[in-house]
ModelCIF file with pLDDT and N, C-alpha, C, O atoms, coordinates in Angstrom:
data_MODEL
#
_entry.id   MODEL 
#
_entity.id                         1 
_entity.type                       polymer 
_entity.pdbx_number_of_molecules   1 
#
_entity_poly.entity_id                      1 
_entity_poly.type                           'polypeptide(L)' 
_entity_poly.nstd_linkage                   no 
_entity_poly.nstd_monomer                   no 
_entity_poly.pdbx_seq_one_letter_code       GIAGPLAGLVVAIPVLMIGLSISEVKQVVPMEGSFTEGNSLLYAAI 
_entity_poly.pdbx_seq_one_letter_code_can   GIAGPLAGLVVAIPVLMIGLSISEVKQVVPMEGSFTEGNSLLYAAI 
_entity_poly.pdbx_strand_id                 A 
#
loop_
_entity_poly_seq.entity_id 
_entity_poly_seq.num 
_entity_poly_seq.mon_id 
_entity_poly_seq.hetero 
1 1  GLY n 
1 2  ILE n 
1 3  ALA n 
1 4  GLY n 
1 5  PRO n 
1 6  LEU n 
1 7  ALA n 
1 8  GLY n 
1 9  LEU n 
1 10 VAL n 
1 11 VAL n 
1 12 ALA n 
1 13 ILE n 
1 14 PRO n 
1 15 VAL n 
1 16 LEU n 
1 17 MET n 
1 18 ILE n 
1 19 GLY n 
1 20 LEU n 
1 21 SER n 
1 22 ILE n 
1 23 SER n 
1 24 GLU n 
1 25 VAL n 
1 26 LYS n 
1 27 GLN n 
1 28 VAL n 
1 29 VAL n 
1 30 PRO n 
1 31 MET n 
1 32 GLU n 
1 33 GLY n 
1 34 SER n 
1 35 PHE n 
1 36 THR n 
1 37 GLU n 
1 38 GLY n 
1 39 ASN n 
1 40 SER n 
1 41 LEU n 
1 42 LEU n 
1 43 TYR n 
1 44 ALA n 
1 45 ALA n 
1 46 ILE n 
#
_struct_asym.id          A 
_struct_asym.entity_id   1 
#
loop_
_ma_qa_metric.id 
_ma_qa_metric.mode 
_ma_qa_metric.name 
_ma_qa_metric.software_group_id 
_ma_qa_metric.type 
1 global pLDDT . pLDDT 
2 local  pLDDT . pLDDT 
#
_ma_qa_metric_global.metric_id      1 
_ma_qa_metric_global.metric_value   92.43 
_ma_qa_metric_global.model_id       1 
_ma_qa_metric_global.ordinal_id     1 
#
loop_
_ma_qa_metric_local.label_asym_id 
_ma_qa_metric_local.label_comp_id 
_ma_qa_metric_local.label_seq_id 
_ma_qa_metric_local.metric_id 
_ma_qa_metric_local.metric_value 
_ma_qa_metric_local.model_id 
_ma_qa_metric_local.ordinal_id 
A GLY 1  2 96.00 1 1  
A ILE 2  2 98.00 1 2  
A ALA 3  2 98.00 1 3  
A GLY 4  2 97.00 1 4  
A PRO 5  2 98.00 1 5  
A LEU 6  2 98.00 1 6  
A ALA 7  2 98.00 1 7  
A GLY 8  2 98.00 1 8  
A LEU 9  2 98.00 1 9  
A VAL 10 2 98.00 1 10 
A VAL 11 2 98.00 1 11 
A ALA 12 2 98.00 1 12 
A ILE 13 2 98.00 1 13 
A PRO 14 2 98.00 1 14 
A VAL 15 2 98.00 1 15 
A LEU 16 2 98.00 1 16 
A MET 17 2 98.00 1 17 
A ILE 18 2 97.00 1 18 
A GLY 19 2 97.00 1 19 
A LEU 20 2 97.00 1 20 
A SER 21 2 96.00 1 21 
A ILE 22 2 96.00 1 22 
A SER 23 2 95.00 1 23 
A GLU 24 2 93.00 1 24 
A VAL 25 2 92.00 1 25 
A LYS 26 2 90.00 1 26 
A GLN 27 2 90.00 1 27 
A VAL 28 2 84.00 1 28 
A VAL 29 2 80.00 1 29 
A PRO 30 2 75.00 1 30 
A MET 31 2 72.00 1 31 
A GLU 32 2 67.00 1 32 
A GLY 33 2 65.00 1 33 
A SER 34 2 74.00 1 34 
A PHE 35 2 80.00 1 35 
A THR 36 2 89.00 1 36 
A GLU 37 2 92.00 1 37 
A GLY 38 2 93.00 1 38 
A ASN 39 2 95.00 1 39 
A SER 40 2 97.00 1 40 
A LEU 41 2 97.00 1 41 
A LEU 42 2 98.00 1 42 
A TYR 43 2 97.00 1 43 
A ALA 44 2 97.00 1 44 
A ALA 45 2 97.00 1 45 
A ILE 46 2 97.00 1 46 
#
loop_
_atom_site.group_PDB 
_atom_site.id 
_atom_site.type_symbol 
_atom_site.label_atom_id 
_atom_site.label_alt_id 
_atom_site.label_comp_id 
_atom_site.label_asym_id 
_atom_site.label_entity_id 
_atom_site.label_seq_id 
_atom_site.pdbx_PDB_ins_code 
_atom_site.Cartn_x 
_atom_site.Cartn_y 
_atom_site.Cartn_z 
_atom_site.occupancy 
_atom_site.B_iso_or_equiv 
_atom_site.pdbx_formal_charge 
_atom_site.auth_seq_id 
_atom_site.auth_comp_id 
_atom_site.auth_asym_id 
_atom_site.auth_atom_id 
_atom_site.pdbx_PDB_model_num 
ATOM 1   N N  . GLY A 1 1  ? 28.965 -43.588 32.175 1.00 96.00 ? 1  GLY A N  1 
ATOM 2   C CA . GLY A 1 1  ? 28.102 -44.712 31.854 1.00 96.00 ? 1  GLY A CA 1 
ATOM 3   C C  . GLY A 1 1  ? 26.626 -44.441 32.061 1.00 96.00 ? 1  GLY A C  1 
ATOM 4   O O  . GLY A 1 1  ? 25.801 -44.865 31.251 1.00 96.00 ? 1  GLY A O  1 
ATOM 5   N N  . ILE A 1 2  ? 26.276 -43.741 33.135 1.00 98.00 ? 2  ILE A N  1 
ATOM 6   C CA . ILE A 1 2  ? 24.858 -43.564 33.455 1.00 98.00 ? 2  ILE A CA 1 
ATOM 7   C C  . ILE A 1 2  ? 24.252 -42.359 32.751 1.00 98.00 ? 2  ILE A C  1 
ATOM 8   O O  . ILE A 1 2  ? 23.030 -42.260 32.645 1.00 98.00 ? 2  ILE A O  1 
ATOM 9   N N  . ALA A 1 3  ? 25.081 -41.446 32.270 1.00 98.00 ? 3  ALA A N  1 
ATOM 10  C CA . ALA A 1 3  ? 24.553 -40.228 31.642 1.00 98.00 ? 3  ALA A CA 1 
ATOM 11  C C  . ALA A 1 3  ? 23.717 -40.544 30.411 1.00 98.00 ? 3  ALA A C  1 
ATOM 12  O O  . ALA A 1 3  ? 22.688 -39.908 30.181 1.00 98.00 ? 3  ALA A O  1 
ATOM 13  N N  . GLY A 1 4  ? 24.153 -41.527 29.611 1.00 97.00 ? 4  GLY A N  1 
ATOM 14  C CA . GLY A 1 4  ? 23.424 -41.869 28.398 1.00 97.00 ? 4  GLY A CA 1 
ATOM 15  C C  . GLY A 1 4  ? 22.024 -42.400 28.658 1.00 97.00 ? 4  GLY A C  1 
ATOM 16  O O  . GLY A 1 4  ? 21.054 -41.856 28.130 1.00 97.00 ? 4  GLY A O  1 
ATOM 17  N N  . PRO A 1 5  ? 21.896 -43.464 29.469 1.00 98.00 ? 5  PRO A N  1 
ATOM 18  C CA . PRO A 1 5  ? 20.552 -43.982 29.745 1.00 98.00 ? 5  PRO A CA 1 
ATOM 19  C C  . PRO A 1 5  ? 19.611 -42.960 30.361 1.00 98.00 ? 5  PRO A C  1 
ATOM 20  O O  . PRO A 1 5  ? 18.441 -42.897 29.982 1.00 98.00 ? 5  PRO A O  1 
ATOM 21  N N  . LEU A 1 6  ? 20.093 -42.164 31.299 1.00 98.00 ? 6  LEU A N  1 
ATOM 22  C CA . LEU A 1 6  ? 19.209 -41.189 31.940 1.00 98.00 ? 6  LEU A CA 1 
ATOM 23  C C  . LEU A 1 6  ? 18.793 -40.101 30.953 1.00 98.00 ? 6  LEU A C  1 
ATOM 24  O O  . LEU A 1 6  ? 17.631 -39.696 30.933 1.00 98.00 ? 6  LEU A O  1 
ATOM 25  N N  . ALA A 1 7  ? 19.732 -39.625 30.132 1.00 98.00 ? 7  ALA A N  1 
ATOM 26  C CA . ALA A 1 7  ? 19.383 -38.599 29.143 1.00 98.00 ? 7  ALA A CA 1 
ATOM 27  C C  . ALA A 1 7  ? 18.400 -39.153 28.117 1.00 98.00 ? 7  ALA A C  1 
ATOM 28  O O  . ALA A 1 7  ? 17.466 -38.461 27.713 1.00 98.00 ? 7  ALA A O  1 
ATOM 29  N N  . GLY A 1 8  ? 18.608 -40.407 27.694 1.00 98.00 ? 8  GLY A N  1 
ATOM 30  C CA . GLY A 1 8  ? 17.692 -41.024 26.746 1.00 98.00 ? 8  GLY A CA 1 
ATOM 31  C C  . GLY A 1 8  ? 16.291 -41.171 27.308 1.00 98.00 ? 8  GLY A C  1 
ATOM 32  O O  . GLY A 1 8  ? 15.309 -40.940 26.602 1.00 98.00 ? 8  GLY A O  1 
ATOM 33  N N  . LEU A 1 9  ? 16.192 -41.556 28.581 1.00 98.00 ? 9  LEU A N  1 
ATOM 34  C CA . LEU A 1 9  ? 14.876 -41.734 29.199 1.00 98.00 ? 9  LEU A CA 1 
ATOM 35  C C  . LEU A 1 9  ? 14.148 -40.411 29.381 1.00 98.00 ? 9  LEU A C  1 
ATOM 36  O O  . LEU A 1 9  ? 12.919 -40.362 29.311 1.00 98.00 ? 9  LEU A O  1 
ATOM 37  N N  . VAL A 1 10 ? 14.894 -39.342 29.613 1.00 98.00 ? 10 VAL A N  1 
ATOM 38  C CA . VAL A 1 10 ? 14.263 -38.024 29.747 1.00 98.00 ? 10 VAL A CA 1 
ATOM 39  C C  . VAL A 1 10 ? 13.474 -37.690 28.481 1.00 98.00 ? 10 VAL A C  1 
ATOM 40  O O  . VAL A 1 10 ? 12.450 -37.009 28.548 1.00 98.00 ? 10 VAL A O  1 
ATOM 41  N N  . VAL A 1 11 ? 13.943 -38.162 27.339 1.00 98.00 ? 11 VAL A N  1 
ATOM 42  C CA . VAL A 1 11 ? 13.231 -37.945 26.072 1.00 98.00 ? 11 VAL A CA 1 
ATOM 43  C C  . VAL A 1 11 ? 12.238 -39.073 25.810 1.00 98.00 ? 11 VAL A C  1 
ATOM 44  O O  . VAL A 1 11 ? 11.117 -38.823 25.369 1.00 98.00 ? 11 VAL A O  1 
ATOM 45  N N  . ALA A 1 12 ? 12.650 -40.328 26.082 1.00 98.00 ? 12 ALA A N  1 
ATOM 46  C CA . ALA A 1 12 ? 11.823 -41.481 25.705 1.00 98.00 ? 12 ALA A CA 1 
ATOM 47  C C  . ALA A 1 12 ? 10.494 -41.524 26.448 1.00 98.00 ? 12 ALA A C  1 
ATOM 48  O O  . ALA A 1 12 ? 9.471  -41.862 25.852 1.00 98.00 ? 12 ALA A O  1 
ATOM 49  N N  . ILE A 1 13 ? 10.486 -41.188 27.741 1.00 98.00 ? 13 ILE A N  1 
ATOM 50  C CA . ILE A 1 13 ? 9.253  -41.329 28.530 1.00 98.00 ? 13 ILE A CA 1 
ATOM 51  C C  . ILE A 1 13 ? 8.154  -40.371 28.038 1.00 98.00 ? 13 ILE A C  1 
ATOM 52  O O  . ILE A 1 13 ? 7.033  -40.824 27.806 1.00 98.00 ? 13 ILE A O  1 
ATOM 53  N N  . PRO A 1 14 ? 8.429  -39.067 27.868 1.00 98.00 ? 14 PRO A N  1 
ATOM 54  C CA . PRO A 1 14 ? 7.348  -38.208 27.325 1.00 98.00 ? 14 PRO A CA 1 
ATOM 55  C C  . PRO A 1 14 ? 6.969  -38.574 25.896 1.00 98.00 ? 14 PRO A C  1 
ATOM 56  O O  . PRO A 1 14 ? 5.798  -38.474 25.528 1.00 98.00 ? 14 PRO A O  1 
ATOM 57  N N  . VAL A 1 15 ? 7.945  -39.001 25.074 1.00 98.00 ? 15 VAL A N  1 
ATOM 58  C CA . VAL A 1 15 ? 7.622  -39.443 23.712 1.00 98.00 ? 15 VAL A CA 1 
ATOM 59  C C  . VAL A 1 15 ? 6.657  -40.627 23.770 1.00 98.00 ? 15 VAL A C  1 
ATOM 60  O O  . VAL A 1 15 ? 5.675  -40.668 23.029 1.00 98.00 ? 15 VAL A O  1 
ATOM 61  N N  . LEU A 1 16 ? 6.935  -41.574 24.640 1.00 98.00 ? 16 LEU A N  1 
ATOM 62  C CA . LEU A 1 16 ? 6.071  -42.747 24.774 1.00 98.00 ? 16 LEU A CA 1 
ATOM 63  C C  . LEU A 1 16 ? 4.681  -42.364 25.258 1.00 98.00 ? 16 LEU A C  1 
ATOM 64  O O  . LEU A 1 16 ? 3.685  -42.862 24.733 1.00 98.00 ? 16 LEU A O  1 
ATOM 65  N N  . MET A 1 17 ? 4.600  -41.493 26.243 1.00 98.00 ? 17 MET A N  1 
ATOM 66  C CA . MET A 1 17 ? 3.297  -41.114 26.791 1.00 98.00 ? 17 MET A CA 1 
ATOM 67  C C  . MET A 1 17 ? 2.461  -40.361 25.748 1.00 98.00 ? 17 MET A C  1 
ATOM 68  O O  . MET A 1 17 ? 1.258  -40.592 25.635 1.00 98.00 ? 17 MET A O  1 
ATOM 69  N N  . ILE A 1 18 ? 3.088  -39.477 24.999 1.00 97.00 ? 18 ILE A N  1 
ATOM 70  C CA . ILE A 1 18 ? 2.347  -38.765 23.944 1.00 97.00 ? 18 ILE A CA 1 
ATOM 71  C C  . ILE A 1 18 ? 1.926  -39.748 22.861 1.00 97.00 ? 18 ILE A C  1 
ATOM 72  O O  . ILE A 1 18 ? 0.795  -39.701 22.377 1.00 97.00 ? 18 ILE A O  1 
ATOM 73  N N  . GLY A 1 19 ? 2.839  -40.642 22.480 1.00 97.00 ? 19 GLY A N  1 
ATOM 74  C CA . GLY A 1 19 ? 2.530  -41.614 21.446 1.00 97.00 ? 19 GLY A CA 1 
ATOM 75  C C  . GLY A 1 19 ? 1.401  -42.546 21.839 1.00 97.00 ? 19 GLY A C  1 
ATOM 76  O O  . GLY A 1 19 ? 0.539  -42.858 21.017 1.00 97.00 ? 19 GLY A O  1 
ATOM 77  N N  . LEU A 1 20 ? 1.396  -42.995 23.086 1.00 97.00 ? 20 LEU A N  1 
ATOM 78  C CA . LEU A 1 20 ? 0.311  -43.875 23.549 1.00 97.00 ? 20 LEU A CA 1 
ATOM 79  C C  . LEU A 1 20 ? -1.023 -43.127 23.592 1.00 97.00 ? 20 LEU A C  1 
ATOM 80  O O  . LEU A 1 20 ? -2.071 -43.704 23.306 1.00 97.00 ? 20 LEU A O  1 
ATOM 81  N N  . SER A 1 21 ? -0.979 -41.857 23.946 1.00 96.00 ? 21 SER A N  1 
ATOM 82  C CA . SER A 1 21 ? -2.235 -41.093 24.052 1.00 96.00 ? 21 SER A CA 1 
ATOM 83  C C  . SER A 1 21 ? -2.912 -40.914 22.702 1.00 96.00 ? 21 SER A C  1 
ATOM 84  O O  . SER A 1 21 ? -4.115 -40.659 22.650 1.00 96.00 ? 21 SER A O  1 
ATOM 85  N N  . ILE A 1 22 ? -2.160 -41.042 21.598 1.00 96.00 ? 22 ILE A N  1 
ATOM 86  C CA . ILE A 1 22 ? -2.765 -40.936 20.266 1.00 96.00 ? 22 ILE A CA 1 
ATOM 87  C C  . ILE A 1 22 ? -2.839 -42.305 19.577 1.00 96.00 ? 22 ILE A C  1 
ATOM 88  O O  . ILE A 1 22 ? -3.113 -42.388 18.380 1.00 96.00 ? 22 ILE A O  1 
ATOM 89  N N  . SER A 1 23 ? -2.594 -43.370 20.336 1.00 95.00 ? 23 SER A N  1 
ATOM 90  C CA . SER A 1 23 ? -2.723 -44.728 19.803 1.00 95.00 ? 23 SER A CA 1 
ATOM 91  C C  . SER A 1 23 ? -4.113 -45.273 20.123 1.00 95.00 ? 23 SER A C  1 
ATOM 92  O O  . SER A 1 23 ? -4.790 -44.782 21.026 1.00 95.00 ? 23 SER A O  1 
ATOM 93  N N  . GLU A 1 24 ? -4.530 -46.291 19.375 1.00 93.00 ? 24 GLU A N  1 
ATOM 94  C CA . GLU A 1 24 ? -5.847 -46.887 19.565 1.00 93.00 ? 24 GLU A CA 1 
ATOM 95  C C  . GLU A 1 24 ? -5.746 -48.226 20.276 1.00 93.00 ? 24 GLU A C  1 
ATOM 96  O O  . GLU A 1 24 ? -4.799 -48.985 20.068 1.00 93.00 ? 24 GLU A O  1 
ATOM 97  N N  . VAL A 1 25 ? -6.729 -48.504 21.112 1.00 92.00 ? 25 VAL A N  1 
ATOM 98  C CA . VAL A 1 25 ? -6.882 -49.818 21.716 1.00 92.00 ? 25 VAL A CA 1 
ATOM 99  C C  . VAL A 1 25 ? -7.972 -50.546 20.946 1.00 92.00 ? 25 VAL A C  1 
ATOM 100 O O  . VAL A 1 25 ? -9.116 -50.093 20.892 1.00 92.00 ? 25 VAL A O  1 
ATOM 101 N N  . LYS A 1 26 ? -7.608 -51.681 20.349 1.00 90.00 ? 26 LYS A N  1 
ATOM 102 C CA . LYS A 1 26 ? -8.547 -52.411 19.509 1.00 90.00 ? 26 LYS A CA 1 
ATOM 103 C C  . LYS A 1 26 ? -8.433 -53.902 19.760 1.00 90.00 ? 26 LYS A C  1 
ATOM 104 O O  . LYS A 1 26 ? -7.493 -54.383 20.393 1.00 90.00 ? 26 LYS A O  1 
ATOM 105 N N  . GLN A 1 27 ? -9.429 -54.622 19.240 1.00 90.00 ? 27 GLN A N  1 
ATOM 106 C CA . GLN A 1 27 ? -9.395 -56.070 19.287 1.00 90.00 ? 27 GLN A CA 1 
ATOM 107 C C  . GLN A 1 27 ? -8.194 -56.564 18.473 1.00 90.00 ? 27 GLN A C  1 
ATOM 108 O O  . GLN A 1 27 ? -7.937 -56.089 17.367 1.00 90.00 ? 27 GLN A O  1 
ATOM 109 N N  . VAL A 1 28 ? -7.476 -57.514 19.038 1.00 84.00 ? 28 VAL A N  1 
ATOM 110 C CA . VAL A 1 28 ? -6.284 -58.032 18.371 1.00 84.00 ? 28 VAL A CA 1 
ATOM 111 C C  . VAL A 1 28 ? -6.701 -58.934 17.214 1.00 84.00 ? 28 VAL A C  1 
ATOM 112 O O  . VAL A 1 28 ? -7.440 -59.900 17.404 1.00 84.00 ? 28 VAL A O  1 
ATOM 113 N N  . VAL A 1 29 ? -6.222 -58.611 16.015 1.00 80.00 ? 29 VAL A N  1 
ATOM 114 C CA . VAL A 1 29 ? -6.459 -59.425 14.827 1.00 80.00 ? 29 VAL A CA 1 
ATOM 115 C C  . VAL A 1 29 ? -5.096 -59.836 14.281 1.00 80.00 ? 29 VAL A C  1 
ATOM 116 O O  . VAL A 1 29 ? -4.436 -59.042 13.612 1.00 80.00 ? 29 VAL A O  1 
ATOM 117 N N  . PRO A 1 30 ? -4.663 -61.071 14.558 1.00 75.00 ? 30 PRO A N  1 
ATOM 118 C CA . PRO A 1 30 ? -3.337 -61.511 14.100 1.00 75.00 ? 30 PRO A CA 1 
ATOM 119 C C  . PRO A 1 30 ? -3.241 -61.457 12.577 1.00 75.00 ? 30 PRO A C  1 
ATOM 120 O O  . PRO A 1 30 ? -4.129 -61.922 11.862 1.00 75.00 ? 30 PRO A O  1 
ATOM 121 N N  . MET A 1 31 ? -2.120 -60.869 12.094 1.00 72.00 ? 31 MET A N  1 
ATOM 122 C CA . MET A 1 31 ? -1.860 -60.801 10.663 1.00 72.00 ? 31 MET A CA 1 
ATOM 123 C C  . MET A 1 31 ? -0.456 -61.312 10.387 1.00 72.00 ? 31 MET A C  1 
ATOM 124 O O  . MET A 1 31 ? 0.405  -61.305 11.266 1.00 72.00 ? 31 MET A O  1 
ATOM 125 N N  . GLU A 1 32 ? -0.239 -61.751 9.167  1.00 67.00 ? 32 GLU A N  1 
ATOM 126 C CA . GLU A 1 32 ? 1.064  -62.280 8.770  1.00 67.00 ? 32 GLU A CA 1 
ATOM 127 C C  . GLU A 1 32 ? 2.138  -61.217 8.972  1.00 67.00 ? 32 GLU A C  1 
ATOM 128 O O  . GLU A 1 32 ? 2.023  -60.097 8.475  1.00 67.00 ? 32 GLU A O  1 
ATOM 129 N N  . GLY A 1 33 ? 3.190  -61.587 9.715  1.00 65.00 ? 33 GLY A N  1 
ATOM 130 C CA . GLY A 1 33 ? 4.316  -60.675 9.919  1.00 65.00 ? 33 GLY A CA 1 
ATOM 131 C C  . GLY A 1 33 ? 4.130  -59.688 11.051 1.00 65.00 ? 33 GLY A C  1 
ATOM 132 O O  . GLY A 1 33 ? 5.043  -58.910 11.328 1.00 65.00 ? 33 GLY A O  1 
ATOM 133 N N  . SER A 1 34 ? 2.984  -59.684 11.718 1.00 74.00 ? 34 SER A N  1 
ATOM 134 C CA . SER A 1 34 ? 2.773  -58.750 12.822 1.00 74.00 ? 34 SER A CA 1 
ATOM 135 C C  . SER A 1 34 ? 3.394  -59.300 14.106 1.00 74.00 ? 34 SER A C  1 
ATOM 136 O O  . SER A 1 34 ? 3.692  -60.490 14.209 1.00 74.00 ? 34 SER A O  1 
ATOM 137 N N  . PHE A 1 35 ? 3.580  -58.417 15.070 1.00 80.00 ? 35 PHE A N  1 
ATOM 138 C CA . PHE A 1 35 ? 4.196  -58.836 16.331 1.00 80.00 ? 35 PHE A CA 1 
ATOM 139 C C  . PHE A 1 35 ? 3.577  -58.052 17.476 1.00 80.00 ? 35 PHE A C  1 
ATOM 140 O O  . PHE A 1 35 ? 2.972  -56.998 17.280 1.00 80.00 ? 35 PHE A O  1 
ATOM 141 N N  . THR A 1 36 ? 3.744  -58.591 18.666 1.00 89.00 ? 36 THR A N  1 
ATOM 142 C CA . THR A 1 36 ? 3.337  -57.908 19.891 1.00 89.00 ? 36 THR A CA 1 
ATOM 143 C C  . THR A 1 36 ? 4.590  -57.484 20.637 1.00 89.00 ? 36 THR A C  1 
ATOM 144 O O  . THR A 1 36 ? 5.481  -58.297 20.886 1.00 89.00 ? 36 THR A O  1 
ATOM 145 N N  . GLU A 1 37 ? 4.654  -56.210 20.991 1.00 92.00 ? 37 GLU A N  1 
ATOM 146 C CA . GLU A 1 37 ? 5.823  -55.718 21.717 1.00 92.00 ? 37 GLU A CA 1 
ATOM 147 C C  . GLU A 1 37 ? 5.776  -56.193 23.161 1.00 92.00 ? 37 GLU A C  1 
ATOM 148 O O  . GLU A 1 37 ? 4.702  -56.354 23.740 1.00 92.00 ? 37 GLU A O  1 
ATOM 149 N N  . GLY A 1 38 ? 6.943  -56.414 23.732 1.00 93.00 ? 38 GLY A N  1 
ATOM 150 C CA . GLY A 1 38 ? 7.019  -56.920 25.097 1.00 93.00 ? 38 GLY A CA 1 
ATOM 151 C C  . GLY A 1 38 ? 6.834  -55.829 26.135 1.00 93.00 ? 38 GLY A C  1 
ATOM 152 O O  . GLY A 1 38 ? 6.998  -54.642 25.855 1.00 93.00 ? 38 GLY A O  1 
ATOM 153 N N  . ASN A 1 39 ? 6.491  -56.256 27.330 1.00 95.00 ? 39 ASN A N  1 
ATOM 154 C CA . ASN A 1 39 ? 6.284  -55.339 28.447 1.00 95.00 ? 39 ASN A CA 1 
ATOM 155 C C  . ASN A 1 39 ? 7.499  -55.317 29.370 1.00 95.00 ? 39 ASN A C  1 
ATOM 156 O O  . ASN A 1 39 ? 8.015  -56.369 29.748 1.00 95.00 ? 39 ASN A O  1 
ATOM 157 N N  . SER A 1 40 ? 7.946  -54.137 29.726 1.00 97.00 ? 40 SER A N  1 
ATOM 158 C CA . SER A 1 40 ? 8.811  -53.941 30.881 1.00 97.00 ? 40 SER A CA 1 
ATOM 159 C C  . SER A 1 40 ? 7.935  -53.403 32.005 1.00 97.00 ? 40 SER A C  1 
ATOM 160 O O  . SER A 1 40 ? 6.780  -53.044 31.775 1.00 97.00 ? 40 SER A O  1 
ATOM 161 N N  . LEU A 1 41 ? 8.471  -53.345 33.206 1.00 97.00 ? 41 LEU A N  1 
ATOM 162 C CA . LEU A 1 41 ? 7.675  -52.823 34.328 1.00 97.00 ? 41 LEU A CA 1 
ATOM 163 C C  . LEU A 1 41 ? 7.269  -51.375 34.063 1.00 97.00 ? 41 LEU A C  1 
ATOM 164 O O  . LEU A 1 41 ? 6.133  -50.991 34.338 1.00 97.00 ? 41 LEU A O  1 
ATOM 165 N N  . LEU A 1 42 ? 8.187  -50.574 33.533 1.00 98.00 ? 42 LEU A N  1 
ATOM 166 C CA . LEU A 1 42 ? 7.879  -49.164 33.291 1.00 98.00 ? 42 LEU A CA 1 
ATOM 167 C C  . LEU A 1 42 ? 6.872  -49.015 32.156 1.00 98.00 ? 42 LEU A C  1 
ATOM 168 O O  . LEU A 1 42 ? 5.948  -48.207 32.251 1.00 98.00 ? 42 LEU A O  1 
ATOM 169 N N  . TYR A 1 43 ? 7.040  -49.780 31.093 1.00 97.00 ? 43 TYR A N  1 
ATOM 170 C CA . TYR A 1 43 ? 6.122  -49.688 29.954 1.00 97.00 ? 43 TYR A CA 1 
ATOM 171 C C  . TYR A 1 43 ? 4.716  -50.101 30.372 1.00 97.00 ? 43 TYR A C  1 
ATOM 172 O O  . TYR A 1 43 ? 3.742  -49.443 30.006 1.00 97.00 ? 43 TYR A O  1 
ATOM 173 N N  . ALA A 1 44 ? 4.605  -51.186 31.135 1.00 97.00 ? 44 ALA A N  1 
ATOM 174 C CA . ALA A 1 44 ? 3.291  -51.634 31.601 1.00 97.00 ? 44 ALA A CA 1 
ATOM 175 C C  . ALA A 1 44 ? 2.650  -50.580 32.497 1.00 97.00 ? 44 ALA A C  1 
ATOM 176 O O  . ALA A 1 44 ? 1.446  -50.339 32.412 1.00 97.00 ? 44 ALA A O  1 
ATOM 177 N N  . ALA A 1 45 ? 3.455  -49.952 33.358 1.00 97.00 ? 45 ALA A N  1 
ATOM 178 C CA . ALA A 1 45 ? 2.917  -48.934 34.260 1.00 97.00 ? 45 ALA A CA 1 
ATOM 179 C C  . ALA A 1 45 ? 2.413  -47.715 33.490 1.00 97.00 ? 45 ALA A C  1 
ATOM 180 O O  . ALA A 1 45 ? 1.372  -47.153 33.828 1.00 97.00 ? 45 ALA A O  1 
ATOM 181 N N  . ILE A 1 46 ? 3.150  -47.306 32.454 1.00 97.00 ? 46 ILE A N  1 
ATOM 182 C CA . ILE A 1 46 ? 2.724  -46.150 31.663 1.00 97.00 ? 46 ILE A CA 1 
ATOM 183 C C  . ILE A 1 46 ? 1.436  -46.464 30.911 1.00 97.00 ? 46 ILE A C  1 
ATOM 184 O O  . ILE A 1 46 ? 0.920  -45.612 30.188 1.00 97.00 ? 46 ILE A O  1 
#
């Protein structure tokens, strides 16, 4: 049971950190059909 989540996170965390490092922080401009992703404790910390 635990092997899957841990193996997935081993890949997901560096993917997320690299992806965020090439993402932009900008003023929020709401558009039709857009959404804001939710925060988990780990995501907020990263």
